[in-house]
Amino acid sequence: LTGLDWMQLGEDRWYKEMEDGFEVLKFERRMA
């Protein structure tokens, strides 16, 4: 990440939700 300072905001998150009528697995990493 050239030109940026950054911080990872906690652990990666895995969860499930409905999308177009299907249950899908979601992954999310948040960064500052």
Full PDB file with SEQRES, HELIX, SHEET, SSBOND, CRYST1, ORIGX, SCALE, CONECT and MASTER records, all heavy atoms in Angstrom:
SEQRES   1 A   32  LEU THR GLY LEU ASP TRP MET GLN LEU GLY GLU ASP ARG          
SEQRES   2 A   32  TRP TYR LYS GLU MET GLU ASP GLY PHE GLU VAL LEU LYS          
SEQRES   3 A   32  PHE GLU ARG ARG MET ALA                                      
SHEET    1 AA1 2 ARG A  13  GLU A  19  0                                        
SHEET    2 AA1 2 PHE A  22  GLU A  28 -1                                        
CRYST1    1.000    1.000    1.000  90.00  90.00  90.00 P 1           1          
ORIGX1      1.000000  0.000000  0.000000        0.00000                         
ORIGX2      0.000000  1.000000  0.000000        0.00000                         
ORIGX3      0.000000  0.000000  1.000000        0.00000                         
SCALE1      1.000000  0.000000  0.000000        0.00000                         
SCALE2      0.000000  1.000000  0.000000        0.00000                         
SCALE3      0.000000  0.000000  1.000000        0.00000                         
ATOM      1  N   LEU A   1       0.858  -1.191   0.000  1.00  0.00           N  
ATOM      2  CA  LEU A   1       0.000   0.000   0.000  1.00  0.00           C  
ATOM      3  C   LEU A   1       0.892   1.237   0.000  1.00  0.00           C  
ATOM      4  O   LEU A   1       1.008   1.963   1.003  1.00  0.00           O  
ATOM      5  CB  LEU A   1      -0.945  -0.030   1.195  1.00  0.00           C  
ATOM      6  CG  LEU A   1      -1.918  -1.215   1.212  1.00  0.00           C  
ATOM      7  CD1 LEU A   1      -2.711  -1.251   2.513  1.00  0.00           C  
ATOM      8  CD2 LEU A   1      -2.861  -1.164   0.021  1.00  0.00           C  
ATOM      9  N   THR A   2       1.518   1.479  -1.126  1.00  0.00           N  
ATOM     10  CA  THR A   2       2.448   2.596  -1.250  1.00  0.00           C  
ATOM     11  C   THR A   2       1.705   3.923  -1.128  1.00  0.00           C  
ATOM     12  O   THR A   2       0.643   4.116  -1.714  1.00  0.00           O  
ATOM     13  CB  THR A   2       3.170   2.533  -2.598  1.00  0.00           C  
ATOM     14  OG1 THR A   2       3.791   1.247  -2.740  1.00  0.00           O  
ATOM     15  CG2 THR A   2       4.230   3.609  -2.700  1.00  0.00           C  
ATOM     16  N   GLY A   3       2.281   4.842  -0.347  1.00  0.00           N  
ATOM     17  CA  GLY A   3       1.669   6.154  -0.149  1.00  0.00           C  
ATOM     18  C   GLY A   3       0.615   6.184   0.930  1.00  0.00           C  
ATOM     19  O   GLY A   3      -0.041   7.210   1.111  1.00  0.00           O  
ATOM     20  N   LEU A   4       0.448   5.054   1.659  1.00  0.00           N  
ATOM     21  CA  LEU A   4      -0.594   4.965   2.685  1.00  0.00           C  
ATOM     22  C   LEU A   4      -0.026   4.402   3.970  1.00  0.00           C  
ATOM     23  O   LEU A   4       0.806   3.487   3.945  1.00  0.00           O  
ATOM     24  CB  LEU A   4      -1.748   4.052   2.224  1.00  0.00           C  
ATOM     25  CG  LEU A   4      -2.562   4.489   1.006  1.00  0.00           C  
ATOM     26  CD1 LEU A   4      -3.410   3.327   0.510  1.00  0.00           C  
ATOM     27  CD2 LEU A   4      -3.448   5.672   1.351  1.00  0.00           C  
ATOM     28  N   ASP A   5      -0.457   4.938   5.104  1.00  0.00           N  
ATOM     29  CA  ASP A   5      -0.381   4.219   6.371  1.00  0.00           C  
ATOM     30  C   ASP A   5      -1.680   3.449   6.519  1.00  0.00           C  
ATOM     31  O   ASP A   5      -2.727   3.893   6.030  1.00  0.00           O  
ATOM     32  CB  ASP A   5      -0.213   5.192   7.540  1.00  0.00           C  
ATOM     33  CG  ASP A   5       1.245   5.510   7.795  1.00  0.00           C  
ATOM     34  OD1 ASP A   5       2.113   4.882   7.161  1.00  0.00           O  
ATOM     35  OD2 ASP A   5       1.528   6.402   8.624  1.00  0.00           O  
ATOM     36  N   TRP A   6      -1.640   2.312   7.189  1.00  0.00           N  
ATOM     37  CA  TRP A   6      -2.857   1.508   7.274  1.00  0.00           C  
ATOM     38  C   TRP A   6      -2.885   0.739   8.587  1.00  0.00           C  
ATOM     39  O   TRP A   6      -1.860   0.505   9.227  1.00  0.00           O  
ATOM     40  CB  TRP A   6      -2.958   0.539   6.088  1.00  0.00           C  
ATOM     41  CG  TRP A   6      -1.790  -0.404   5.961  1.00  0.00           C  
ATOM     42  CD1 TRP A   6      -0.625  -0.177   5.284  1.00  0.00           C  
ATOM     43  CD2 TRP A   6      -1.667  -1.696   6.573  1.00  0.00           C  
ATOM     44  NE1 TRP A   6       0.215  -1.253   5.414  1.00  0.00           N  
ATOM     45  CE2 TRP A   6      -0.395  -2.199   6.189  1.00  0.00           C  
ATOM     46  CE3 TRP A   6      -2.490  -2.472   7.379  1.00  0.00           C  
ATOM     47  CZ2 TRP A   6       0.053  -3.450   6.616  1.00  0.00           C  
ATOM     48  CZ3 TRP A   6      -2.047  -3.713   7.798  1.00  0.00           C  
ATOM     49  CH2 TRP A   6      -0.790  -4.190   7.409  1.00  0.00           C  
ATOM     50  N   MET A   7      -4.088   0.343   8.989  1.00  0.00           N  
ATOM     51  CA  MET A   7      -4.320  -0.502  10.152  1.00  0.00           C  
ATOM     52  C   MET A   7      -5.415  -1.505   9.790  1.00  0.00           C  
ATOM     53  O   MET A   7      -6.428  -1.134   9.196  1.00  0.00           O  
ATOM     54  CB  MET A   7      -4.783   0.316  11.362  1.00  0.00           C  
ATOM     55  CG  MET A   7      -3.861   1.422  11.790  1.00  0.00           C  
ATOM     56  SD  MET A   7      -4.548   2.394  13.170  1.00  0.00           S  
ATOM     57  CE  MET A   7      -4.402   1.204  14.504  1.00  0.00           C  
ATOM     58  N   GLN A   8      -5.201  -2.782  10.117  1.00  0.00           N  
ATOM     59  CA  GLN A   8      -6.274  -3.756   9.970  1.00  0.00           C  
ATOM     60  C   GLN A   8      -7.162  -3.665  11.199  1.00  0.00           C  
ATOM     61  O   GLN A   8      -6.691  -3.693  12.342  1.00  0.00           O  
ATOM     62  CB  GLN A   8      -5.724  -5.176   9.822  1.00  0.00           C  
ATOM     63  CG  GLN A   8      -6.821  -6.222   9.637  1.00  0.00           C  
ATOM     64  CD  GLN A   8      -6.286  -7.599   9.343  1.00  0.00           C  
ATOM     65  OE1 GLN A   8      -5.204  -7.742   8.774  1.00  0.00           O  
ATOM     66  NE2 GLN A   8      -7.022  -8.637   9.727  1.00  0.00           N  
ATOM     67  N   LEU A   9      -8.467  -3.557  10.967  1.00  0.00           N  
ATOM     68  CA  LEU A   9      -9.425  -3.310  12.047  1.00  0.00           C  
ATOM     69  C   LEU A   9     -10.006  -4.627  12.545  1.00  0.00           C  
ATOM     70  O   LEU A   9     -11.089  -5.050  12.161  1.00  0.00           O  
ATOM     71  CB  LEU A   9     -10.524  -2.366  11.555  1.00  0.00           C  
ATOM     72  CG  LEU A   9     -10.022  -1.014  11.048  1.00  0.00           C  
ATOM     73  CD1 LEU A   9     -11.175  -0.188  10.503  1.00  0.00           C  
ATOM     74  CD2 LEU A   9      -9.277  -0.254  12.143  1.00  0.00           C  
ATOM     75  N   GLY A  10      -9.254  -5.287  13.399  1.00  0.00           N  
ATOM     76  CA  GLY A  10      -9.737  -6.523  13.982  1.00  0.00           C  
ATOM     77  C   GLY A  10      -9.520  -7.728  13.078  1.00  0.00           C  
ATOM     78  O   GLY A  10      -8.846  -7.668  12.043  1.00  0.00           O  
ATOM     79  N   GLU A  11     -10.120  -8.838  13.469  1.00  0.00           N  
ATOM     80  CA  GLU A  11      -9.985 -10.093  12.731  1.00  0.00           C  
ATOM     81  C   GLU A  11     -10.895 -10.100  11.510  1.00  0.00           C  
ATOM     82  O   GLU A  11     -11.893  -9.380  11.436  1.00  0.00           O  
ATOM     83  CB  GLU A  11     -10.337 -11.272  13.643  1.00  0.00           C  
ATOM     84  CG  GLU A  11      -9.461 -11.399  14.882  1.00  0.00           C  
ATOM     85  CD  GLU A  11      -8.028 -11.773  14.545  1.00  0.00           C  
ATOM     86  OE1 GLU A  11      -7.830 -12.425  13.484  1.00  0.00           O  
ATOM     87  OE2 GLU A  11      -7.125 -11.416  15.314  1.00  0.00           O  
ATOM     88  N   ASP A  12     -10.521 -10.950  10.533  1.00  0.00           N  
ATOM     89  CA  ASP A  12     -11.403 -11.162   9.383  1.00  0.00           C  
ATOM     90  C   ASP A  12     -12.738 -11.740   9.854  1.00  0.00           C  
ATOM     91  O   ASP A  12     -12.792 -12.536  10.801  1.00  0.00           O  
ATOM     92  CB  ASP A  12     -10.756 -12.121   8.388  1.00  0.00           C  
ATOM     93  CG  ASP A  12      -9.473 -11.546   7.782  1.00  0.00           C  
ATOM     94  OD1 ASP A  12      -9.310 -10.310   7.827  1.00  0.00           O  
ATOM     95  OD2 ASP A  12      -8.644 -12.325   7.277  1.00  0.00           O  
ATOM     96  N   ARG A  13     -13.796 -11.376   9.174  1.00  0.00           N  
ATOM     97  CA  ARG A  13     -15.137 -11.808   9.584  1.00  0.00           C  
ATOM     98  C   ARG A  13     -15.735 -12.712   8.508  1.00  0.00           C  
ATOM     99  O   ARG A  13     -15.711 -12.381   7.320  1.00  0.00           O  
ATOM    100  CB  ARG A  13     -16.034 -10.581   9.804  1.00  0.00           C  
ATOM    101  CG  ARG A  13     -17.392 -10.900  10.411  1.00  0.00           C  
ATOM    102  CD  ARG A  13     -18.060  -9.631  10.914  1.00  0.00           C  
ATOM    103  NE  ARG A  13     -18.545  -8.798   9.837  1.00  0.00           N  
ATOM    104  CZ  ARG A  13     -19.835  -8.699   9.480  1.00  0.00           C  
ATOM    105  NH1 ARG A  13     -20.757  -9.407  10.115  1.00  0.00           N  
ATOM    106  NH2 ARG A  13     -20.199  -7.898   8.498  1.00  0.00           N  
ATOM    107  N   TRP A  14     -16.265 -13.856   8.932  1.00  0.00           N  
ATOM    108  CA  TRP A  14     -16.981 -14.780   8.047  1.00  0.00           C  
ATOM    109  C   TRP A  14     -18.416 -14.896   8.548  1.00  0.00           C  
ATOM    110  O   TRP A  14     -18.657 -15.071   9.748  1.00  0.00           O  
ATOM    111  CB  TRP A  14     -16.325 -16.160   8.056  1.00  0.00           C  
ATOM    112  CG  TRP A  14     -14.982 -16.193   7.383  1.00  0.00           C  
ATOM    113  CD1 TRP A  14     -13.780 -15.902   7.942  1.00  0.00           C  
ATOM    114  CD2 TRP A  14     -14.720 -16.539   6.014  1.00  0.00           C  
ATOM    115  NE1 TRP A  14     -12.780 -16.029   7.024  1.00  0.00           N  
ATOM    116  CE2 TRP A  14     -13.321 -16.427   5.823  1.00  0.00           C  
ATOM    117  CE3 TRP A  14     -15.524 -16.927   4.937  1.00  0.00           C  
ATOM    118  CZ2 TRP A  14     -12.709 -16.696   4.599  1.00  0.00           C  
ATOM    119  CZ3 TRP A  14     -14.912 -17.202   3.723  1.00  0.00           C  
ATOM    120  CH2 TRP A  14     -13.526 -17.081   3.548  1.00  0.00           C  
ATOM    121  N   TYR A  15     -19.365 -14.803   7.650  1.00  0.00           N  
ATOM    122  CA  TYR A  15     -20.769 -14.887   8.032  1.00  0.00           C  
ATOM    123  C   TYR A  15     -21.592 -15.306   6.821  1.00  0.00           C  
ATOM    124  O   TYR A  15     -21.091 -15.350   5.686  1.00  0.00           O  
ATOM    125  CB  TYR A  15     -21.263 -13.534   8.579  1.00  0.00           C  
ATOM    126  CG  TYR A  15     -21.133 -12.386   7.601  1.00  0.00           C  
ATOM    127  CD1 TYR A  15     -22.223 -11.953   6.847  1.00  0.00           C  
ATOM    128  CD2 TYR A  15     -19.921 -11.727   7.414  1.00  0.00           C  
ATOM    129  CE1 TYR A  15     -22.110 -10.900   5.943  1.00  0.00           C  
ATOM    130  CE2 TYR A  15     -19.795 -10.676   6.522  1.00  0.00           C  
ATOM    131  CZ  TYR A  15     -20.889 -10.275   5.792  1.00  0.00           C  
ATOM    132  OH  TYR A  15     -20.773  -9.245   4.895  1.00  0.00           O  
ATOM    133  N   LYS A  16     -22.857 -15.623   7.056  1.00  0.00           N  
ATOM    134  CA  LYS A  16     -23.754 -16.039   5.989  1.00  0.00           C  
ATOM    135  C   LYS A  16     -24.904 -15.048   5.863  1.00  0.00           C  
ATOM    136  O   LYS A  16     -25.346 -14.469   6.864  1.00  0.00           O  
ATOM    137  CB  LYS A  16     -24.310 -17.443   6.256  1.00  0.00           C  
ATOM    138  CG  LYS A  16     -23.253 -18.545   6.178  1.00  0.00           C  
ATOM    139  CD  LYS A  16     -23.874 -19.929   6.412  1.00  0.00           C  
ATOM    140  CE  LYS A  16     -22.813 -21.015   6.288  1.00  0.00           C  
ATOM    141  NZ  LYS A  16     -23.390 -22.367   6.493  1.00  0.00           N  
ATOM    142  N   GLU A  17     -25.378 -14.872   4.631  1.00  0.00           N  
ATOM    143  CA  GLU A  17     -26.547 -14.033   4.404  1.00  0.00           C  
ATOM    144  C   GLU A  17     -27.223 -14.480   3.112  1.00  0.00           C  
ATOM    145  O   GLU A  17     -26.662 -15.268   2.322  1.00  0.00           O  
ATOM    146  CB  GLU A  17     -26.184 -12.555   4.341  1.00  0.00           C  
ATOM    147  CG  GLU A  17     -25.373 -12.140   3.155  1.00  0.00           C  
ATOM    148  CD  GLU A  17     -25.121 -10.637   3.101  1.00  0.00           C  
ATOM    149  OE1 GLU A  17     -25.109  -9.976   4.157  1.00  0.00           O  
ATOM    150  OE2 GLU A  17     -24.960 -10.123   1.977  1.00  0.00           O  
ATOM    151  N   MET A  18     -28.443 -13.991   2.885  1.00  0.00           N  
ATOM    152  CA  MET A  18     -29.204 -14.347   1.688  1.00  0.00           C  
ATOM    153  C   MET A  18     -28.882 -13.360   0.570  1.00  0.00           C  
ATOM    154  O   MET A  18     -28.796 -12.159   0.796  1.00  0.00           O  
ATOM    155  CB  MET A  18     -30.695 -14.330   1.985  1.00  0.00           C  
ATOM    156  CG  MET A  18     -31.126 -15.328   3.064  1.00  0.00           C  
ATOM    157  SD  MET A  18     -30.757 -17.045   2.638  1.00  0.00           S  
ATOM    158  CE  MET A  18     -31.830 -17.262   1.193  1.00  0.00           C  
ATOM    159  N   GLU A  19     -28.690 -13.889  -0.628  1.00  0.00           N  
ATOM    160  CA  GLU A  19     -28.408 -13.075  -1.809  1.00  0.00           C  
ATOM    161  C   GLU A  19     -29.099 -13.704  -3.013  1.00  0.00           C  
ATOM    162  O   GLU A  19     -28.786 -14.841  -3.384  1.00  0.00           O  
ATOM    163  CB  GLU A  19     -26.895 -12.980  -2.033  1.00  0.00           C  
ATOM    164  CG  GLU A  19     -26.507 -12.069  -3.174  1.00  0.00           C  
ATOM    165  CD  GLU A  19     -25.007 -11.947  -3.328  1.00  0.00           C  
ATOM    166  OE1 GLU A  19     -24.377 -11.227  -2.530  1.00  0.00           O  
ATOM    167  OE2 GLU A  19     -24.459 -12.588  -4.251  1.00  0.00           O  
ATOM    168  N   ASP A  20     -30.026 -12.977  -3.602  1.00  0.00           N  
ATOM    169  CA  ASP A  20     -30.791 -13.477  -4.758  1.00  0.00           C  
ATOM    170  C   ASP A  20     -31.489 -14.795  -4.446  1.00  0.00           C  
ATOM    171  O   ASP A  20     -31.591 -15.689  -5.303  1.00  0.00           O  
ATOM    172  CB  ASP A  20     -29.882 -13.645  -5.975  1.00  0.00           C  
ATOM    173  CG  ASP A  20     -29.263 -12.335  -6.429  1.00  0.00           C  
ATOM    174  OD1 ASP A  20     -29.910 -11.280  -6.218  1.00  0.00           O  
ATOM    175  OD2 ASP A  20     -28.143 -12.355  -6.958  1.00  0.00           O  
ATOM    176  N   GLY A  21     -31.950 -14.931  -3.215  1.00  0.00           N  
ATOM    177  CA  GLY A  21     -32.672 -16.134  -2.837  1.00  0.00           C  
ATOM    178  C   GLY A  21     -31.790 -17.299  -2.433  1.00  0.00           C  
ATOM    179  O   GLY A  21     -32.310 -18.371  -2.105  1.00  0.00           O  
ATOM    180  N   PHE A  22     -30.465 -17.123  -2.436  1.00  0.00           N  
ATOM    181  CA  PHE A  22     -29.543 -18.184  -2.053  1.00  0.00           C  
ATOM    182  C   PHE A  22     -28.783 -17.765  -0.803  1.00  0.00           C  
ATOM    183  O   PHE A  22     -28.466 -16.590  -0.616  1.00  0.00           O  
ATOM    184  CB  PHE A  22     -28.539 -18.470  -3.178  1.00  0.00           C  
ATOM    185  CG  PHE A  22     -29.144 -19.024  -4.433  1.00  0.00           C  
ATOM    186  CD1 PHE A  22     -29.539 -18.181  -5.463  1.00  0.00           C  
ATOM    187  CD2 PHE A  22     -29.339 -20.389  -4.584  1.00  0.00           C  
ATOM    188  CE1 PHE A  22     -30.094 -18.675  -6.621  1.00  0.00           C  
ATOM    189  CE2 PHE A  22     -29.898 -20.892  -5.744  1.00  0.00           C  
ATOM    190  CZ  PHE A  22     -30.291 -20.046  -6.772  1.00  0.00           C  
ATOM    191  N   GLU A  23     -28.472 -18.750   0.041  1.00  0.00           N  
ATOM    192  CA  GLU A  23     -27.615 -18.486   1.191  1.00  0.00           C  
ATOM    193  C   GLU A  23     -26.173 -18.529   0.721  1.00  0.00           C  
ATOM    194  O   GLU A  23     -25.708 -19.533   0.162  1.00  0.00           O  
ATOM    195  CB  GLU A  23     -27.839 -19.517   2.295  1.00  0.00           C  
ATOM    196  CG  GLU A  23     -27.035 -19.207   3.567  1.00  0.00           C  
ATOM    197  CD  GLU A  23     -27.270 -20.215   4.664  1.00  0.00           C  
ATOM    198  OE1 GLU A  23     -26.780 -21.349   4.510  1.00  0.00           O  
ATOM    199  OE2 GLU A  23     -27.942 -19.881   5.655  1.00  0.00           O  
ATOM    200  N   VAL A  24     -25.447 -17.453   0.923  1.00  0.00           N  
ATOM    201  CA  VAL A  24     -24.057 -17.367   0.479  1.00  0.00           C  
ATOM    202  C   VAL A  24     -23.158 -17.124   1.680  1.00  0.00           C  
ATOM    203  O   VAL A  24     -23.576 -16.615   2.722  1.00  0.00           O  
ATOM    204  CB  VAL A  24     -23.872 -16.232  -0.563  1.00  0.00           C  
ATOM    205  CG1 VAL A  24     -24.688 -16.518  -1.815  1.00  0.00           C  
ATOM    206  CG2 VAL A  24     -24.249 -14.882   0.031  1.00  0.00           C  
ATOM    207  N   LEU A  25     -21.894 -17.532   1.518  1.00  0.00           N  
ATOM    208  CA  LEU A  25     -20.885 -17.317   2.541  1.00  0.00           C  
ATOM    209  C   LEU A  25     -20.161 -16.010   2.231  1.00  0.00           C  
ATOM    210  O   LEU A  25     -19.739 -15.768   1.095  1.00  0.00           O  
ATOM    211  CB  LEU A  25     -19.894 -18.485   2.552  1.00  0.00           C  
ATOM    212  CG  LEU A  25     -18.751 -18.420   3.576  1.00  0.00           C  
ATOM    213  CD1 LEU A  25     -19.299 -18.459   4.994  1.00  0.00           C  
ATOM    214  CD2 LEU A  25     -17.768 -19.559   3.345  1.00  0.00           C  
ATOM    215  N   LYS A  26     -20.017 -15.155   3.255  1.00  0.00           N  
ATOM    216  CA  LYS A  26     -19.400 -13.851   3.078  1.00  0.00           C  
ATOM    217  C   LYS A  26     -18.107 -13.771   3.893  1.00  0.00           C  
ATOM    218  O   LYS A  26     -18.006 -14.288   5.013  1.00  0.00           O  
ATOM    219  CB  LYS A  26     -20.342 -12.732   3.539  1.00  0.00           C  
ATOM    220  CG  LYS A  26     -21.539 -12.517   2.630  1.00  0.00           C  
ATOM    221  CD  LYS A  26     -21.160 -11.678   1.431  1.00  0.00           C  
ATOM    222  CE  LYS A  26     -22.372 -11.248   0.638  1.00  0.00           C  
ATOM    223  NZ  LYS A  26     -22.020 -10.343  -0.469  1.00  0.00           N  
ATOM    224  N   PHE A  27     -17.132 -13.073   3.294  1.00  0.00           N  
ATOM    225  CA  PHE A  27     -15.863 -12.781   3.948  1.00  0.00           C  
ATOM    226  C   PHE A  27     -15.668 -11.267   3.933  1.00  0.00           C  
ATOM    227  O   PHE A  27     -15.974 -10.602   2.934  1.00  0.00           O  
ATOM    228  CB  PHE A  27     -14.712 -13.464   3.200  1.00  0.00           C  
ATOM    229  CG  PHE A  27     -13.352 -12.895   3.509  1.00  0.00           C  
ATOM    230  CD1 PHE A  27     -12.610 -13.357   4.581  1.00  0.00           C  
ATOM    231  CD2 PHE A  27     -12.810 -11.888   2.713  1.00  0.00           C  
ATOM    232  CE1 PHE A  27     -11.360 -12.820   4.861  1.00  0.00           C  
ATOM    233  CE2 PHE A  27     -11.557 -11.351   2.986  1.00  0.00           C  
ATOM    234  CZ  PHE A  27     -10.828 -11.828   4.057  1.00  0.00           C  
ATOM    235  N   GLU A  28     -15.141 -10.716   5.055  1.00  0.00           N  
ATOM    236  CA  GLU A  28     -14.875  -9.276   5.083  1.00  0.00           C  
ATOM    237  C   GLU A  28     -13.654  -8.982   5.937  1.00  0.00           C  
ATOM    238  O   GLU A  28     -13.511  -9.498   7.046  1.00  0.00           O  
ATOM    239  CB  GLU A  28     -16.068  -8.486   5.628  1.00  0.00           C  
ATOM    240  CG  GLU A  28     -15.836  -6.980   5.606  1.00  0.00           C  
ATOM    241  CD  GLU A  28     -17.010  -6.186   6.161  1.00  0.00           C  
ATOM    242  OE1 GLU A  28     -17.623  -6.652   7.138  1.00  0.00           O  
ATOM    243  OE2 GLU A  28     -17.295  -5.103   5.616  1.00  0.00           O  
ATOM    244  N   ARG A  29     -12.765  -8.159   5.386  1.00  0.00           N  
ATOM    245  CA  ARG A  29     -11.667  -7.566   6.149  1.00  0.00           C  
ATOM    246  C   ARG A  29     -11.800  -6.051   6.033  1.00  0.00           C  
ATOM    247  O   ARG A  29     -11.943  -5.518   4.934  1.00  0.00           O  
ATOM    248  CB  ARG A  29     -10.308  -8.003   5.616  1.00  0.00           C  
ATOM    249  CG  ARG A  29      -9.127  -7.292   6.305  1.00  0.00           C  
ATOM    250  CD  ARG A  29      -7.789  -7.754   5.775  1.00  0.00           C  
ATOM    251  NE  ARG A  29      -7.538  -9.146   6.137  1.00  0.00           N  
ATOM    252  CZ  ARG A  29      -6.422  -9.806   5.817  1.00  0.00           C  
ATOM    253  NH1 ARG A  29      -5.463  -9.195   5.125  1.00  0.00           N  
ATOM    254  NH2 ARG A  29      -6.274 -11.064   6.175  1.00  0.00           N  
ATOM    255  N   ARG A  30     -11.731  -5.365   7.176  1.00  0.00           N  
ATOM    256  CA  ARG A  30     -11.832  -3.906   7.183  1.00  0.00           C  
ATOM    257  C   ARG A  30     -10.484  -3.311   7.566  1.00  0.00           C  
ATOM    258  O   ARG A  30      -9.785  -3.819   8.457  1.00  0.00           O  
ATOM    259  CB  ARG A  30     -12.918  -3.434   8.146  1.00  0.00           C  
ATOM    260  CG  ARG A  30     -14.316  -3.817   7.683  1.00  0.00           C  
ATOM    261  CD  ARG A  30     -15.395  -3.312   8.619  1.00  0.00           C  
ATOM    262  NE  ARG A  30     -15.510  -1.870   8.637  1.00  0.00           N  
ATOM    263  CZ  ARG A  30     -16.191  -1.156   7.747  1.00  0.00           C  
ATOM    264  NH1 ARG A  30     -16.793  -1.759   6.729  1.00  0.00           N  
ATOM    265  NH2 ARG A  30     -16.272   0.159   7.861  1.00  0.00           N  
ATOM    266  N   MET A  31     -10.145  -2.218   6.874  1.00  0.00           N  
ATOM    267  CA  MET A  31      -8.871  -1.557   7.094  1.00  0.00           C  
ATOM    268  C   MET A  31      -9.091  -0.045   7.174  1.00  0.00           C  
ATOM    269  O   MET A  31     -10.023   0.482   6.551  1.00  0.00           O  
ATOM    270  CB  MET A  31      -7.881  -1.886   5.965  1.00  0.00           C  
ATOM    271  CG  MET A  31      -7.597  -3.366   5.800  1.00  0.00           C  
ATOM    272  SD  MET A  31      -6.413  -3.692   4.464  1.00  0.00           S  
ATOM    273  CE  MET A  31      -4.929  -2.973   5.164  1.00  0.00           C  
ATOM    274  N   ALA A  32      -8.243   0.610   7.941  1.00  0.00           N  
ATOM    275  CA  ALA A  32      -8.217   2.076   7.994  1.00  0.00           C  
ATOM    276  C   ALA A  32      -6.992   2.539   7.225  1.00  0.00           C  
ATOM    277  O   ALA A  32      -5.868   2.114   7.520  1.00  0.00           O  
ATOM    278  CB  ALA A  32      -8.167   2.566   9.437  1.00  0.00           C  
TER     279      ALA A  32                                                      
MASTER        0    0    0    0    2    0    0    6  278    1    0    3          
END                                                                             
